[in-house]
Protein backbone atom coordinates (compact mmCIF):
# COMPACT_ATOMS: atom_id res chain seq x y z
CA GLN A 1 88.42 66.99 84.11
CA VAL A 2 90.11 70.37 83.69
CA GLN A 3 90.05 72.44 80.53
CA LEU A 4 92.46 75.30 79.83
CA VAL A 5 91.92 78.15 77.38
CA GLU A 6 94.74 80.61 76.64
CA SER A 7 94.41 84.10 75.21
CA GLY A 8 96.49 87.22 74.77
CA GLY A 9 99.14 86.21 72.27
CA GLY A 10 100.01 88.31 69.26
CA LEU A 11 102.66 90.30 67.44
CA VAL A 12 104.71 92.90 69.31
CA GLN A 13 107.91 94.81 68.67
CA ALA A 14 111.03 94.11 70.67
CA GLY A 15 110.88 95.92 73.98
CA GLY A 16 107.12 95.74 74.10
CA SER A 17 104.76 93.92 76.45
CA LEU A 18 102.03 91.32 76.29
CA ARG A 19 99.87 89.65 78.91
CA LEU A 20 98.76 86.07 78.45
CA SER A 21 95.74 84.66 80.25
CA CYS A 22 94.78 81.05 80.92
CA ALA A 23 91.30 80.30 82.19
CA ALA A 24 90.73 76.93 83.83
CA SER A 25 87.33 75.30 84.00
CA GLY A 26 85.95 71.98 85.19
CA SER A 27 87.35 70.23 88.26
CA THR A 28 89.78 72.97 89.24
CA ALA A 29 89.87 72.32 93.00
CA GLY A 30 92.65 69.76 92.62
CA ILE A 31 95.05 71.99 90.69
CA LEU A 32 98.32 72.35 92.61
CA PHE A 33 100.51 74.09 90.04
CA MET A 34 99.83 76.19 86.99
CA ALA A 35 102.56 77.06 84.56
CA TRP A 36 103.46 78.53 81.22
CA TYR A 37 105.67 76.65 78.78
CA ARG A 38 106.86 77.72 75.36
CA GLN A 39 108.01 76.00 72.23
CA ALA A 40 109.86 77.68 69.38
CA PRO A 41 110.15 76.04 65.94
CA GLY A 42 112.64 73.18 66.01
CA GLU A 43 113.02 73.33 69.78
CA GLN A 44 111.65 71.34 72.69
CA ARG A 45 108.90 72.71 74.88
CA GLY A 46 110.38 74.34 77.97
CA LEU A 47 109.13 75.73 81.26
CA VAL A 48 108.87 79.52 81.39
CA ALA A 49 107.22 80.11 84.76
CA GLN A 50 105.23 78.19 87.34
CA ILE A 51 103.08 79.22 90.27
CA ALA A 52 101.87 77.06 93.13
CA ALA A 53 98.39 77.10 94.59
CA ARG A 54 99.74 79.06 97.55
CA GLY A 55 101.52 81.49 95.27
CA GLY A 56 105.17 80.46 95.22
CA ALA A 57 106.64 81.18 91.79
CA TYR A 58 109.50 79.85 89.69
CA TYR A 59 111.00 81.44 86.59
CA ALA A 60 113.37 80.23 83.91
CA ASP A 61 116.63 82.19 83.98
CA SER A 62 115.93 83.58 80.51
CA VAL A 63 112.81 85.45 81.68
CA LYS A 64 113.69 86.45 85.25
CA GLY A 65 113.12 90.16 85.81
CA ARG A 66 111.04 90.49 82.64
CA PHE A 67 108.10 88.09 83.09
CA THR A 68 105.70 87.83 86.01
CA ILE A 69 103.31 84.95 86.64
CA SER A 70 100.24 85.48 88.80
CA ARG A 71 96.96 83.74 89.50
CA ASP A 72 93.46 84.78 90.44
CA ASN A 73 92.07 81.80 92.29
CA ALA A 74 88.56 83.27 92.36
CA LYS A 75 88.58 83.38 88.56
CA ASN A 76 90.63 80.18 88.14
CA THR A 77 92.88 82.16 85.86
CA VAL A 78 96.65 82.42 85.59
CA TYR A 79 98.42 85.30 83.89
CA LEU A 80 101.84 85.81 82.38
CA GLN A 81 102.88 89.45 82.13
CA MET A 82 105.72 89.69 79.64
CA ASN A 83 107.75 92.89 79.52
CA SER A 84 110.89 93.88 77.61
CA LEU A 85 110.14 91.22 75.04
CA LYS A 86 112.95 89.99 72.80
CA PRO A 87 112.83 88.25 69.42
CA GLU A 88 114.07 85.09 71.14
CA ASP A 89 110.83 85.04 73.16
CA THR A 90 108.97 84.19 69.96
CA ALA A 91 107.22 80.85 70.46
CA VAL A 92 103.91 79.15 71.01
CA TYR A 93 103.07 79.56 74.69
CA TYR A 94 101.17 76.77 76.42
CA CYS A 95 99.32 76.85 79.71
CA ASN A 96 99.67 73.79 81.96
CA ALA A 97 97.91 72.60 85.10
CA LYS A 98 99.10 69.83 87.39
CA GLY A 99 97.66 68.08 90.42
CA PHE A 100 97.36 64.60 91.92
CA VAL A 101 93.75 64.35 90.77
CA THR A 102 94.05 66.86 87.90
CA GLY A 103 96.89 65.02 86.23
CA ASP A 104 98.83 66.93 83.56
CA VAL A 105 96.59 69.15 81.45
CA TRP A 106 97.57 71.41 78.53
CA GLY A 107 95.92 74.28 76.76
CA GLN A 108 95.86 74.63 72.98
CA GLY A 109 98.65 77.21 72.85
CA THR A 110 98.85 80.84 71.81
CA GLN A 111 101.40 82.33 69.42
CA VAL A 112 103.69 85.12 70.58
CA THR A 113 105.81 86.79 67.92
CA VAL A 114 108.37 89.47 68.76
CA SER A 115 109.74 91.45 65.83
CA SER A 116 113.16 93.06 65.90
């Protein structure tokens, strides 16, 4: 089994930056994709960014040019660098890992609040 632990959320003013981290432990060899999702109050959870084991990345249109996803395979950690934050980025951010053996695993979530 894989366990995910997120960190790095908090309160920041609009225009500021935060970096989220997600550390994976357990049977991590089978992880093919790691991603960040977010869910704002009253909204559905949506994909923010995803990175493949070989490094190919995908970004939601709303964060392109502002957010960067990266992974350190040696540390089994994925990062989300968030720059030029906007109030509409306020949400709970969830880390996700997927793989044929891994299945679909979620972290507990970390709150990001951007004040105007």
